[in-house]
Amino acid sequence: MEHLKEIIIHHAPHAHWYIFVAIILAGFNIPFSADLLILIAAILAATVVPEHTWLLFFSILLGCYLSAMCAYWLGRLIGTALSKRKFFSKLFSVQRLSKIKKFYDQYGLWTLVIGRFIPFGVRNCIFMSSGMSKLHFGKFVLMDALACMLWCSTCFYLFFALGQNYETIWHYLKTFNLLIFAAFSVTVIGTIWYKIRKKIKNRNLSTN
């Protein structure tokens, strides 16, 4: 954990470039978590490079906005081909696409606003599905401009406030890691002990 901390701090002055590129790659379904990247950017702004606060904020804002466009066009251009593959077939089923289109028709902007706040790949699914369902690109980018601004601003502000209490959080995080390690150790020891006892018991039964 300390080694990871040192690496992040060492690269902090250029973090806005790394974060921007990683968020763009996330738009192509490369497994980078935008939520985690915003968290890192906000904590760096609050603790290590406060002079880069706005630079970090705009790098995630622009990155997230462009990333959504990448996902949209990925869905629009090759989404149909992807949906024929086993891994994507359920993700981009006809029923799901029609449901998302219905959401857009009913709720419009709120589909993207709410979708922006749902992690674990759901938002990328919405962006790609928007492209696959041939939602007008101009309409998509206009609606997502507001959705992206609301999401990025809210998350960055909350994580920035969290970062200002970094020392306290880091202390509790180390304590939490120790507890996790202790629980893991007890589980491993308990499992080994149980298997040894079971083996001895089975051996005794077979000899009797």
N, C-alpha and C. Protein backbone atom coordinates (compact mmCIF):
# COMPACT_ATOMS: atom_id res chain seq x y z
N MET A 1 0.82 -1.21 0.00
CA MET A 1 0.00 0.00 0.00
C MET A 1 0.86 1.26 0.00
N GLU A 2 1.93 1.26 0.82
CA GLU A 2 2.83 2.41 0.89
C GLU A 2 3.55 2.62 -0.44
N HIS A 3 3.93 1.49 -1.07
CA HIS A 3 4.63 1.57 -2.36
C HIS A 3 3.72 2.18 -3.42
N LEU A 4 2.46 1.77 -3.43
CA LEU A 4 1.47 2.31 -4.36
C LEU A 4 1.30 3.81 -4.12
N LYS A 5 1.25 4.19 -2.87
CA LYS A 5 1.11 5.59 -2.49
C LYS A 5 2.27 6.42 -3.05
N GLU A 6 3.49 5.90 -2.93
CA GLU A 6 4.69 6.60 -3.42
C GLU A 6 4.66 6.77 -4.93
N ILE A 7 4.22 5.73 -5.64
CA ILE A 7 4.14 5.78 -7.11
C ILE A 7 3.16 6.86 -7.55
N ILE A 8 1.98 6.89 -6.90
CA ILE A 8 0.95 7.87 -7.25
C ILE A 8 1.45 9.29 -7.01
N ILE A 9 2.09 9.51 -5.85
CA ILE A 9 2.59 10.84 -5.51
C ILE A 9 3.68 11.27 -6.49
N HIS A 10 4.55 10.33 -6.86
CA HIS A 10 5.66 10.64 -7.78
C HIS A 10 5.15 11.12 -9.14
N HIS A 11 4.06 10.51 -9.61
CA HIS A 11 3.51 10.85 -10.93
C HIS A 11 2.40 11.89 -10.86
N ALA A 12 2.12 12.41 -9.69
CA ALA A 12 1.01 13.35 -9.50
C ALA A 12 1.05 14.57 -10.42
N PRO A 13 2.22 15.20 -10.67
CA PRO A 13 2.23 16.40 -11.53
C PRO A 13 1.72 16.15 -12.95
N HIS A 14 1.80 14.89 -13.40
CA HIS A 14 1.32 14.55 -14.75
C HIS A 14 0.06 13.68 -14.70
N ALA A 15 -0.55 13.59 -13.54
CA ALA A 15 -1.69 12.69 -13.35
C ALA A 15 -2.85 13.02 -14.27
N HIS A 16 -3.03 14.32 -14.59
CA HIS A 16 -4.18 14.70 -15.43
C HIS A 16 -4.11 14.03 -16.81
N TRP A 17 -2.89 13.84 -17.35
CA TRP A 17 -2.74 13.17 -18.65
C TRP A 17 -3.05 11.68 -18.54
N TYR A 18 -2.51 11.04 -17.50
CA TYR A 18 -2.76 9.60 -17.31
C TYR A 18 -4.26 9.34 -17.13
N ILE A 19 -4.88 10.17 -16.31
CA ILE A 19 -6.30 10.00 -16.00
C ILE A 19 -7.16 10.23 -17.25
N PHE A 20 -6.82 11.27 -18.00
CA PHE A 20 -7.56 11.59 -19.22
C PHE A 20 -7.51 10.42 -20.21
N VAL A 21 -6.31 9.90 -20.46
CA VAL A 21 -6.13 8.78 -21.42
C VAL A 21 -6.86 7.53 -20.93
N ALA A 22 -6.75 7.23 -19.62
CA ALA A 22 -7.40 6.04 -19.07
C ALA A 22 -8.92 6.12 -19.20
N ILE A 23 -9.48 7.31 -18.99
CA ILE A 23 -10.94 7.48 -19.11
C ILE A 23 -11.37 7.30 -20.56
N ILE A 24 -10.59 7.83 -21.50
CA ILE A 24 -10.90 7.64 -22.93
C ILE A 24 -10.90 6.16 -23.28
N LEU A 25 -9.89 5.43 -22.80
CA LEU A 25 -9.81 3.99 -23.07
C LEU A 25 -11.00 3.25 -22.48
N ALA A 26 -11.51 3.74 -21.34
CA ALA A 26 -12.70 3.12 -20.72
C ALA A 26 -13.89 3.17 -21.66
N GLY A 27 -13.94 4.19 -22.52
CA GLY A 27 -15.03 4.29 -23.50
C GLY A 27 -15.03 3.17 -24.50
N PHE A 28 -13.86 2.53 -24.69
CA PHE A 28 -13.73 1.39 -25.60
C PHE A 28 -13.85 0.06 -24.84
N ASN A 29 -14.42 0.14 -23.64
CA ASN A 29 -14.64 -1.04 -22.78
C ASN A 29 -13.36 -1.68 -22.28
N ILE A 30 -12.27 -0.93 -22.27
CA ILE A 30 -11.05 -1.39 -21.60
C ILE A 30 -11.27 -1.14 -20.12
N PRO A 31 -11.01 -2.15 -19.27
CA PRO A 31 -11.46 -2.07 -17.87
C PRO A 31 -10.72 -1.07 -16.98
N PHE A 32 -11.00 0.22 -17.23
CA PHE A 32 -10.58 1.28 -16.32
C PHE A 32 -11.84 1.85 -15.68
N SER A 33 -11.84 1.94 -14.36
CA SER A 33 -13.01 2.46 -13.66
C SER A 33 -12.97 3.99 -13.62
N ALA A 34 -13.93 4.63 -14.28
CA ALA A 34 -14.00 6.10 -14.28
C ALA A 34 -14.22 6.61 -12.86
N ASP A 35 -15.01 5.89 -12.07
CA ASP A 35 -15.28 6.31 -10.69
C ASP A 35 -13.99 6.33 -9.87
N LEU A 36 -13.18 5.28 -10.03
CA LEU A 36 -11.91 5.21 -9.31
C LEU A 36 -10.96 6.30 -9.77
N LEU A 37 -10.94 6.59 -11.07
CA LEU A 37 -10.07 7.63 -11.62
C LEU A 37 -10.47 9.02 -11.11
N ILE A 38 -11.77 9.26 -10.98
CA ILE A 38 -12.24 10.53 -10.42
C ILE A 38 -11.83 10.63 -8.96
N LEU A 39 -11.95 9.53 -8.23
CA LEU A 39 -11.53 9.49 -6.83
C LEU A 39 -10.05 9.84 -6.70
N ILE A 40 -9.20 9.23 -7.53
CA ILE A 40 -7.76 9.49 -7.48
C ILE A 40 -7.48 10.95 -7.82
N ALA A 41 -8.13 11.46 -8.87
CA ALA A 41 -7.92 12.85 -9.28
C ALA A 41 -8.30 13.83 -8.17
N ALA A 42 -9.44 13.59 -7.54
CA ALA A 42 -9.92 14.50 -6.49
C ALA A 42 -9.02 14.47 -5.26
N ILE A 43 -8.58 13.27 -4.87
CA ILE A 43 -7.70 13.16 -3.69
C ILE A 43 -6.33 13.78 -3.96
N LEU A 44 -5.82 13.60 -5.19
CA LEU A 44 -4.56 14.25 -5.55
C LEU A 44 -4.70 15.77 -5.51
N ALA A 45 -5.82 16.26 -6.00
CA ALA A 45 -6.07 17.71 -5.99
C ALA A 45 -6.17 18.25 -4.57
N ALA A 46 -6.73 17.45 -3.69
CA ALA A 46 -6.93 17.90 -2.30
C ALA A 46 -5.66 17.80 -1.46
N THR A 47 -4.73 16.92 -1.87
CA THR A 47 -3.59 16.64 -0.99
C THR A 47 -2.21 16.90 -1.59
N VAL A 48 -1.98 16.42 -2.80
CA VAL A 48 -0.62 16.42 -3.36
C VAL A 48 -0.37 17.59 -4.30
N VAL A 49 -1.28 17.82 -5.24
CA VAL A 49 -1.09 18.90 -6.22
C VAL A 49 -2.30 19.84 -6.24
N PRO A 50 -2.54 20.56 -5.16
CA PRO A 50 -3.70 21.47 -5.13
C PRO A 50 -3.66 22.53 -6.22
N GLU A 51 -2.45 22.85 -6.69
CA GLU A 51 -2.33 23.85 -7.77
C GLU A 51 -2.85 23.31 -9.10
N HIS A 52 -3.07 21.99 -9.19
CA HIS A 52 -3.59 21.37 -10.42
C HIS A 52 -5.06 20.98 -10.28
N THR A 53 -5.74 21.54 -9.29
CA THR A 53 -7.14 21.15 -9.03
C THR A 53 -8.01 21.29 -10.26
N TRP A 54 -8.00 22.47 -10.89
CA TRP A 54 -8.86 22.70 -12.04
C TRP A 54 -8.40 21.88 -13.25
N LEU A 55 -7.09 21.69 -13.37
CA LEU A 55 -6.56 20.88 -14.46
C LEU A 55 -7.05 19.44 -14.33
N LEU A 56 -7.02 18.91 -13.12
CA LEU A 56 -7.49 17.55 -12.88
C LEU A 56 -9.00 17.45 -13.10
N PHE A 57 -9.73 18.47 -12.66
CA PHE A 57 -11.19 18.45 -12.84
C PHE A 57 -11.56 18.45 -14.32
N PHE A 58 -10.94 19.35 -15.09
CA PHE A 58 -11.29 19.43 -16.51
C PHE A 58 -10.78 18.23 -17.29
N SER A 59 -9.71 17.58 -16.81
CA SER A 59 -9.24 16.37 -17.49
C SER A 59 -10.25 15.24 -17.35
N ILE A 60 -10.88 15.12 -16.17
CA ILE A 60 -11.91 14.08 -16.00
C ILE A 60 -13.21 14.47 -16.69
N LEU A 61 -13.54 15.76 -16.66
CA LEU A 61 -14.78 16.21 -17.30
C LEU A 61 -14.72 15.97 -18.81
N LEU A 62 -13.64 16.45 -19.44
CA LEU A 62 -13.49 16.27 -20.88
C LEU A 62 -13.30 14.79 -21.23
N GLY A 63 -12.52 14.08 -20.40
CA GLY A 63 -12.30 12.66 -20.64
C GLY A 63 -13.59 11.86 -20.61
N CYS A 64 -14.41 12.11 -19.59
CA CYS A 64 -15.68 11.38 -19.46
C CYS A 64 -16.64 11.72 -20.59
N TYR A 65 -16.64 12.96 -21.03
CA TYR A 65 -17.52 13.41 -22.11
C TYR A 65 -17.12 12.73 -23.43
N LEU A 66 -15.82 12.77 -23.74
CA LEU A 66 -15.33 12.15 -24.98
C LEU A 66 -15.43 10.63 -24.93
N SER A 67 -15.24 10.07 -23.73
CA SER A 67 -15.34 8.62 -23.55
C SER A 67 -16.74 8.12 -23.90
N ALA A 68 -17.75 8.89 -23.51
CA ALA A 68 -19.14 8.52 -23.82
C ALA A 68 -19.37 8.54 -25.33
N MET A 69 -18.76 9.51 -26.01
CA MET A 69 -18.89 9.58 -27.47
C MET A 69 -18.23 8.37 -28.13
N CYS A 70 -17.07 7.97 -27.60
CA CYS A 70 -16.38 6.77 -28.11
C CYS A 70 -17.27 5.55 -27.97
N ALA A 71 -17.89 5.40 -26.79
CA ALA A 71 -18.77 4.26 -26.54
C ALA A 71 -19.99 4.31 -27.46
N TYR A 72 -20.53 5.52 -27.68
CA TYR A 72 -21.68 5.69 -28.58
C TYR A 72 -21.35 5.19 -29.98
N TRP A 73 -20.21 5.66 -30.52
CA TRP A 73 -19.83 5.27 -31.88
C TRP A 73 -19.40 3.83 -31.97
N LEU A 74 -18.85 3.30 -30.90
CA LEU A 74 -18.51 1.88 -30.86
C LEU A 74 -19.78 1.05 -31.01
N GLY A 75 -20.82 1.47 -30.30
CA GLY A 75 -22.11 0.79 -30.40
C GLY A 75 -22.75 0.97 -31.76
N ARG A 76 -22.65 2.18 -32.31
CA ARG A 76 -23.31 2.48 -33.58
C ARG A 76 -22.63 1.78 -34.77
N LEU A 77 -21.29 1.70 -34.73
CA LEU A 77 -20.56 1.16 -35.87
C LEU A 77 -20.41 -0.37 -35.83
N ILE A 78 -20.10 -0.91 -34.64
CA ILE A 78 -19.86 -2.36 -34.58
C ILE A 78 -20.71 -3.05 -33.50
N GLY A 79 -21.67 -2.31 -32.95
CA GLY A 79 -22.52 -2.88 -31.89
C GLY A 79 -23.29 -4.09 -32.33
N THR A 80 -23.79 -4.07 -33.56
CA THR A 80 -24.58 -5.20 -34.07
C THR A 80 -23.72 -6.46 -34.17
N ALA A 81 -22.48 -6.28 -34.64
CA ALA A 81 -21.56 -7.42 -34.74
C ALA A 81 -21.20 -7.94 -33.35
N LEU A 82 -21.01 -7.02 -32.40
CA LEU A 82 -20.68 -7.42 -31.04
C LEU A 82 -21.83 -8.19 -30.39
N SER A 83 -23.05 -7.75 -30.68
CA SER A 83 -24.23 -8.37 -30.05
C SER A 83 -24.42 -9.82 -30.47
N LYS A 84 -23.75 -10.23 -31.57
CA LYS A 84 -23.85 -11.62 -32.02
C LYS A 84 -22.89 -12.53 -31.27
N ARG A 85 -21.93 -11.92 -30.59
CA ARG A 85 -20.99 -12.71 -29.80
C ARG A 85 -21.63 -13.08 -28.47
N LYS A 86 -21.26 -14.24 -27.95
CA LYS A 86 -21.90 -14.78 -26.75
C LYS A 86 -21.82 -13.82 -25.57
N PHE A 87 -20.63 -13.20 -25.38
CA PHE A 87 -20.41 -12.33 -24.22
C PHE A 87 -21.33 -11.12 -24.24
N PHE A 88 -21.61 -10.57 -25.46
CA PHE A 88 -22.39 -9.34 -25.58
C PHE A 88 -23.86 -9.59 -25.91
N SER A 89 -24.21 -10.83 -26.24
CA SER A 89 -25.56 -11.11 -26.72
C SER A 89 -26.65 -10.73 -25.71
N LYS A 90 -26.40 -11.02 -24.43
CA LYS A 90 -27.39 -10.66 -23.40
C LYS A 90 -27.34 -9.18 -23.06
N LEU A 91 -26.11 -8.63 -23.13
CA LEU A 91 -25.91 -7.22 -22.80
C LEU A 91 -26.64 -6.32 -23.78
N PHE A 92 -26.62 -6.70 -25.07
CA PHE A 92 -27.25 -5.88 -26.11
C PHE A 92 -28.37 -6.64 -26.82
N SER A 93 -29.21 -7.27 -26.02
CA SER A 93 -30.34 -8.00 -26.59
C SER A 93 -31.37 -7.02 -27.16
N VAL A 94 -32.23 -7.52 -28.04
CA VAL A 94 -33.27 -6.69 -28.66
C VAL A 94 -34.17 -6.08 -27.59
N GLN A 95 -34.48 -6.89 -26.57
CA GLN A 95 -35.36 -6.42 -25.48
C GLN A 95 -34.72 -5.26 -24.73
N ARG A 96 -33.41 -5.38 -24.45
CA ARG A 96 -32.72 -4.32 -23.71
C ARG A 96 -32.63 -3.04 -24.53
N LEU A 97 -32.35 -3.18 -25.82
CA LEU A 97 -32.26 -2.01 -26.69
C LEU A 97 -33.60 -1.28 -26.78
N SER A 98 -34.67 -2.04 -26.91
CA SER A 98 -36.00 -1.43 -27.00
C SER A 98 -36.39 -0.77 -25.68
N LYS A 99 -35.94 -1.38 -24.56
CA LYS A 99 -36.22 -0.80 -23.25
C LYS A 99 -35.49 0.54 -23.07
N ILE A 100 -34.22 0.58 -23.50
CA ILE A 100 -33.45 1.83 -23.39
C ILE A 100 -34.05 2.90 -24.28
N LYS A 101 -34.48 2.52 -25.49
CA LYS A 101 -35.12 3.49 -26.40
C LYS A 101 -36.41 4.03 -25.78
N LYS A 102 -37.15 3.13 -25.11
CA LYS A 102 -38.38 3.55 -24.45
C LYS A 102 -38.08 4.53 -23.31
N PHE A 103 -37.00 4.27 -22.57
CA PHE A 103 -36.58 5.18 -21.51
C PHE A 103 -36.25 6.56 -22.06
N TYR A 104 -35.52 6.57 -23.19
CA TYR A 104 -35.19 7.85 -23.83
C TYR A 104 -36.46 8.60 -24.24
N ASP A 105 -37.40 7.86 -24.81
CA ASP A 105 -38.65 8.49 -25.26
C ASP A 105 -39.44 9.05 -24.09
N GLN A 106 -39.44 8.31 -22.96
CA GLN A 106 -40.21 8.73 -21.80
C GLN A 106 -39.51 9.78 -20.94
N TYR A 107 -38.22 9.55 -20.68
CA TYR A 107 -37.52 10.39 -19.70
C TYR A 107 -36.42 11.27 -20.29
N GLY A 108 -36.04 11.01 -21.54
CA GLY A 108 -35.07 11.85 -22.22
C GLY A 108 -33.77 12.02 -21.45
N LEU A 109 -33.50 13.25 -21.05
CA LEU A 109 -32.26 13.61 -20.37
C LEU A 109 -32.01 12.78 -19.12
N TRP A 110 -33.07 12.45 -18.36
CA TRP A 110 -32.91 11.73 -17.09
C TRP A 110 -32.31 10.33 -17.28
N THR A 111 -32.49 9.77 -18.48
CA THR A 111 -31.89 8.45 -18.75
C THR A 111 -30.38 8.53 -18.62
N LEU A 112 -29.80 9.60 -19.18
CA LEU A 112 -28.35 9.77 -19.11
C LEU A 112 -27.90 10.28 -17.75
N VAL A 113 -28.68 11.16 -17.13
CA VAL A 113 -28.30 11.70 -15.81
C VAL A 113 -28.22 10.55 -14.80
N ILE A 114 -29.29 9.75 -14.73
CA ILE A 114 -29.31 8.62 -13.79
C ILE A 114 -28.26 7.58 -14.18
N GLY A 115 -28.15 7.31 -15.49
CA GLY A 115 -27.18 6.33 -15.99
C GLY A 115 -25.75 6.70 -15.64
N ARG A 116 -25.46 7.99 -15.64
CA ARG A 116 -24.10 8.46 -15.30
C ARG A 116 -23.70 8.08 -13.88
N PHE A 117 -24.66 8.00 -12.99
CA PHE A 117 -24.37 7.73 -11.58
C PHE A 117 -24.36 6.23 -11.26
N ILE A 118 -24.59 5.38 -12.27
CA ILE A 118 -24.59 3.94 -12.03
C ILE A 118 -23.26 3.36 -12.51
N PRO A 119 -22.46 2.79 -11.60
CA PRO A 119 -21.14 2.26 -11.98
C PRO A 119 -21.20 0.84 -12.54
N PHE A 120 -20.04 0.15 -12.53
CA PHE A 120 -19.90 -1.25 -12.92
C PHE A 120 -20.31 -1.53 -14.37
N GLY A 121 -19.95 -0.60 -15.29
CA GLY A 121 -20.17 -0.83 -16.71
C GLY A 121 -21.55 -0.51 -17.22
N VAL A 122 -22.48 -0.13 -16.32
CA VAL A 122 -23.86 0.15 -16.75
C VAL A 122 -23.89 1.37 -17.65
N ARG A 123 -23.15 2.42 -17.28
CA ARG A 123 -23.21 3.65 -18.09
C ARG A 123 -22.65 3.42 -19.50
N ASN A 124 -21.59 2.60 -19.62
CA ASN A 124 -21.06 2.31 -20.95
C ASN A 124 -22.06 1.53 -21.78
N CYS A 125 -22.80 0.67 -21.12
CA CYS A 125 -23.85 -0.09 -21.80
C CYS A 125 -24.91 0.86 -22.35
N ILE A 126 -25.26 1.88 -21.56
CA ILE A 126 -26.26 2.87 -22.00
C ILE A 126 -25.72 3.65 -23.20
N PHE A 127 -24.44 4.07 -23.14
CA PHE A 127 -23.86 4.84 -24.24
C PHE A 127 -23.81 4.01 -25.52
N MET A 128 -23.35 2.76 -25.40
CA MET A 128 -23.26 1.89 -26.58
C MET A 128 -24.65 1.57 -27.12
N SER A 129 -25.58 1.35 -26.23
CA SER A 129 -26.96 1.05 -26.65
C SER A 129 -27.59 2.25 -27.35
N SER A 130 -27.20 3.46 -26.91
CA SER A 130 -27.68 4.68 -27.57
C SER A 130 -27.24 4.71 -29.02
N GLY A 131 -25.99 4.32 -29.26
CA GLY A 131 -25.48 4.26 -30.62
C GLY A 131 -26.14 3.16 -31.43
N MET A 132 -26.33 2.00 -30.81
CA MET A 132 -26.93 0.85 -31.50
C MET A 132 -28.38 1.12 -31.87
N SER A 133 -29.08 1.87 -31.02
CA SER A 133 -30.49 2.18 -31.29
C SER A 133 -30.63 3.40 -32.21
N LYS A 134 -29.46 3.91 -32.71
CA LYS A 134 -29.43 5.02 -33.67
C LYS A 134 -30.04 6.31 -33.11
N LEU A 135 -29.85 6.52 -31.80
CA LEU A 135 -30.27 7.80 -31.23
C LEU A 135 -29.46 8.90 -31.92
N HIS A 136 -30.11 10.01 -32.27
CA HIS A 136 -29.44 11.10 -32.98
C HIS A 136 -28.22 11.57 -32.18
N PHE A 137 -27.05 11.59 -32.85
CA PHE A 137 -25.80 11.92 -32.16
C PHE A 137 -25.83 13.32 -31.54
N GLY A 138 -26.40 14.28 -32.26
CA GLY A 138 -26.49 15.65 -31.74
C GLY A 138 -27.30 15.71 -30.46
N LYS A 139 -28.40 14.97 -30.44
CA LYS A 139 -29.26 14.91 -29.25
C LYS A 139 -28.51 14.25 -28.10
N PHE A 140 -27.77 13.19 -28.43
CA PHE A 140 -27.01 12.47 -27.41
C PHE A 140 -25.96 13.37 -26.76
N VAL A 141 -25.16 14.06 -27.56
CA VAL A 141 -24.06 14.87 -26.99
C VAL A 141 -24.59 16.07 -26.21
N LEU A 142 -25.73 16.62 -26.64
CA LEU A 142 -26.31 17.75 -25.90
C LEU A 142 -26.83 17.31 -24.54
N MET A 143 -27.54 16.19 -24.51
CA MET A 143 -28.06 15.69 -23.24
C MET A 143 -26.93 15.24 -22.32
N ASP A 144 -25.93 14.57 -22.91
CA ASP A 144 -24.85 14.05 -22.07
C ASP A 144 -23.95 15.16 -21.55
N ALA A 145 -23.90 16.30 -22.23
CA ALA A 145 -23.09 17.42 -21.74
C ALA A 145 -23.53 17.82 -20.34
N LEU A 146 -24.85 17.92 -20.13
CA LEU A 146 -25.36 18.28 -18.82
C LEU A 146 -25.21 17.13 -17.84
N ALA A 147 -25.53 15.90 -18.30
CA ALA A 147 -25.43 14.72 -17.43
C ALA A 147 -24.00 14.53 -16.95
N CYS A 148 -23.03 14.70 -17.86
CA CYS A 148 -21.62 14.52 -17.53
C CYS A 148 -21.15 15.59 -16.55
N MET A 149 -21.59 16.84 -16.77
CA MET A 149 -21.21 17.93 -15.87
C MET A 149 -21.74 17.70 -14.46
N LEU A 150 -22.99 17.26 -14.34
CA LEU A 150 -23.60 16.99 -13.03
C LEU A 150 -22.86 15.87 -12.31
N TRP A 151 -22.60 14.78 -13.03
CA TRP A 151 -21.94 13.62 -12.43
C TRP A 151 -20.50 13.92 -12.01
N CYS A 152 -19.72 14.48 -12.93
CA CYS A 152 -18.32 14.77 -12.64
C CYS A 152 -18.17 15.79 -11.51
N SER A 153 -18.99 16.84 -11.55
CA SER A 153 -18.91 17.88 -10.52
C SER A 153 -19.26 17.33 -9.15
N THR A 154 -20.34 16.55 -9.09
CA THR A 154 -20.78 15.97 -7.81
C THR A 154 -19.72 15.03 -7.24
N CYS A 155 -19.25 14.09 -8.07
CA CYS A 155 -18.27 13.10 -7.60
C CYS A 155 -16.96 13.77 -7.22
N PHE A 156 -16.49 14.69 -8.06
CA PHE A 156 -15.21 15.35 -7.79
C PHE A 156 -15.28 16.15 -6.49
N TYR A 157 -16.38 16.86 -6.29
CA TYR A 157 -16.53 17.67 -5.07
C TYR A 157 -16.55 16.78 -3.82
N LEU A 158 -17.32 15.68 -3.88
CA LEU A 158 -17.42 14.79 -2.73
C LEU A 158 -16.08 14.12 -2.42
N PHE A 159 -15.40 13.65 -3.46
CA PHE A 159 -14.11 13.00 -3.26
C PHE A 159 -13.04 14.00 -2.84
N PHE A 160 -13.15 15.24 -3.32
CA PHE A 160 -12.21 16.29 -2.92
C PHE A 160 -12.35 16.56 -1.41
N ALA A 161 -13.61 16.64 -0.95
CA ALA A 161 -13.85 16.84 0.48
C ALA A 161 -13.33 15.66 1.29
N LEU A 162 -13.47 14.48 0.71
CA LEU A 162 -12.95 13.27 1.35
C LEU A 162 -11.42 13.34 1.44
N GLY A 163 -10.81 13.81 0.37
CA GLY A 163 -9.36 13.91 0.31
C GLY A 163 -8.78 14.88 1.32
N GLN A 164 -9.54 15.88 1.70
CA GLN A 164 -9.06 16.84 2.69
C GLN A 164 -8.92 16.21 4.07
N ASN A 165 -9.59 15.08 4.26
CA ASN A 165 -9.45 14.30 5.50
C ASN A 165 -8.63 13.04 5.25
N TYR A 166 -7.71 13.17 4.31
CA TYR A 166 -6.92 12.04 3.83
C TYR A 166 -6.18 11.30 4.93
N GLU A 167 -5.51 12.03 5.81
CA GLU A 167 -4.69 11.38 6.84
C GLU A 167 -5.53 10.47 7.74
N THR A 168 -6.70 10.97 8.13
CA THR A 168 -7.60 10.18 8.98
C THR A 168 -8.08 8.93 8.24
N ILE A 169 -8.46 9.14 6.97
CA ILE A 169 -8.97 8.02 6.16
C ILE A 169 -7.87 6.99 5.93
N TRP A 170 -6.64 7.48 5.65
CA TRP A 170 -5.52 6.57 5.41
C TRP A 170 -5.22 5.73 6.65
N HIS A 171 -5.34 6.37 7.82
CA HIS A 171 -5.11 5.65 9.09
C HIS A 171 -6.13 4.52 9.24
N TYR A 172 -7.41 4.83 9.00
CA TYR A 172 -8.45 3.82 9.12
C TYR A 172 -8.32 2.76 8.04
N LEU A 173 -7.84 3.17 6.84
CA LEU A 173 -7.67 2.21 5.75
C LEU A 173 -6.60 1.18 6.10
N LYS A 174 -5.51 1.63 6.72
CA LYS A 174 -4.45 0.71 7.14
C LYS A 174 -4.97 -0.25 8.21
N THR A 175 -5.78 0.30 9.14
CA THR A 175 -6.39 -0.55 10.17
C THR A 175 -7.32 -1.58 9.55
N PHE A 176 -8.09 -1.12 8.56
CA PHE A 176 -9.02 -2.00 7.85
C PHE A 176 -8.26 -3.12 7.14
N ASN A 177 -7.14 -2.77 6.49
CA ASN A 177 -6.32 -3.78 5.80
C ASN A 177 -5.77 -4.82 6.77
N LEU A 178 -5.36 -4.36 7.96
CA LEU A 178 -4.86 -5.28 8.97
C LEU A 178 -5.95 -6.25 9.42
N LEU A 179 -7.16 -5.71 9.57
CA LEU A 179 -8.30 -6.55 9.98
C LEU A 179 -8.62 -7.58 8.90
N ILE A 180 -8.59 -7.13 7.63
CA ILE A 180 -8.85 -8.04 6.51
C ILE A 180 -7.80 -9.16 6.48
N PHE A 181 -6.52 -8.76 6.67
CA PHE A 181 -5.43 -9.74 6.67
C PHE A 181 -5.59 -10.73 7.82
N ALA A 182 -5.97 -10.21 9.00
CA ALA A 182 -6.17 -11.08 10.17
C ALA A 182 -7.31 -12.05 9.92
N ALA A 183 -8.42 -11.54 9.35
CA ALA A 183 -9.57 -12.40 9.06
C ALA A 183 -9.21 -13.47 8.04
N PHE A 184 -8.42 -13.08 7.03
CA PHE A 184 -7.98 -14.03 6.00
C PHE A 184 -7.09 -15.11 6.62
N SER A 185 -6.18 -14.70 7.49
CA SER A 185 -5.26 -15.64 8.14
C SER A 185 -6.02 -16.65 8.99
N VAL A 186 -7.00 -16.13 9.76
CA VAL A 186 -7.81 -17.01 10.61
C VAL A 186 -8.60 -18.00 9.76
N THR A 187 -9.14 -17.52 8.63
CA THR A 187 -9.90 -18.39 7.72
C THR A 187 -9.03 -19.51 7.15
N VAL A 188 -7.82 -19.13 6.71
CA VAL A 188 -6.89 -20.13 6.14
C VAL A 188 -6.50 -21.16 7.19
N ILE A 189 -6.13 -20.67 8.39
CA ILE A 189 -5.73 -21.58 9.48
C ILE A 189 -6.89 -22.49 9.87
N GLY A 190 -8.08 -21.90 9.98
CA GLY A 190 -9.27 -22.67 10.34
C GLY A 190 -9.59 -23.75 9.31
N THR A 191 -9.43 -23.39 8.00
CA THR A 191 -9.69 -24.36 6.93
C THR A 191 -8.70 -25.53 6.99
N ILE A 192 -7.42 -25.19 7.17
CA ILE A 192 -6.39 -26.24 7.26
C ILE A 192 -6.65 -27.15 8.46
N TRP A 193 -6.96 -26.53 9.60
CA TRP A 193 -7.24 -27.29 10.83
C TRP A 193 -8.43 -28.22 10.63
N TYR A 194 -9.49 -27.72 9.98
CA TYR A 194 -10.69 -28.51 9.73
C TYR A 194 -10.38 -29.70 8.82
N LYS A 195 -9.56 -29.49 7.78
CA LYS A 195 -9.23 -30.56 6.85
C LYS A 195 -8.37 -31.64 7.52
N ILE A 196 -7.43 -31.19 8.37
CA ILE A 196 -6.59 -32.14 9.10
C ILE A 196 -7.43 -33.00 10.03
N ARG A 197 -8.35 -32.33 10.77
CA ARG A 197 -9.24 -33.06 11.70
C ARG A 197 -10.12 -34.04 10.96
N LYS A 198 -10.63 -33.60 9.80
CA LYS A 198 -11.51 -34.47 9.01
C LYS A 198 -10.75 -35.69 8.49
N LYS A 199 -9.48 -35.46 8.07
CA LYS A 199 -8.65 -36.56 7.57
C LYS A 199 -8.36 -37.57 8.68
N ILE A 200 -8.04 -37.04 9.89
CA ILE A 200 -7.78 -37.92 11.04
C ILE A 200 -9.01 -38.72 11.41
N LYS A 201 -10.17 -38.04 11.38
CA LYS A 201 -11.43 -38.70 11.74
C LYS A 201 -11.76 -39.81 10.75
N ASN A 202 -11.56 -39.52 9.45
CA ASN A 202 -11.82 -40.53 8.42
C ASN A 202 -10.87 -41.72 8.54
N ARG A 203 -9.62 -41.42 8.88
CA ARG A 203 -8.62 -42.49 9.07
C ARG A 203 -8.99 -43.37 10.23
N ASN A 204 -9.47 -42.75 11.34
CA ASN A 204 -9.88 -43.52 12.53
C ASN A 204 -11.07 -44.41 12.23
N LEU A 205 -12.01 -43.86 11.42
CA LEU A 205 -13.20 -44.64 11.08
C LEU A 205 -12.83 -45.83 10.20
N SER A 206 -11.89 -45.61 9.28
CA SER A 206 -11.49 -46.70 8.38
C SER A 206 -10.73 -47.80 9.11
N THR A 207 -9.95 -47.44 10.16
CA THR A 207 -9.22 -48.44 10.92
C THR A 207 -10.13 -49.24 11.84
N ASN A 208 -11.23 -48.57 12.28
CA ASN A 208 -12.18 -49.26 13.14
C ASN A 208 -13.10 -50.17 12.31
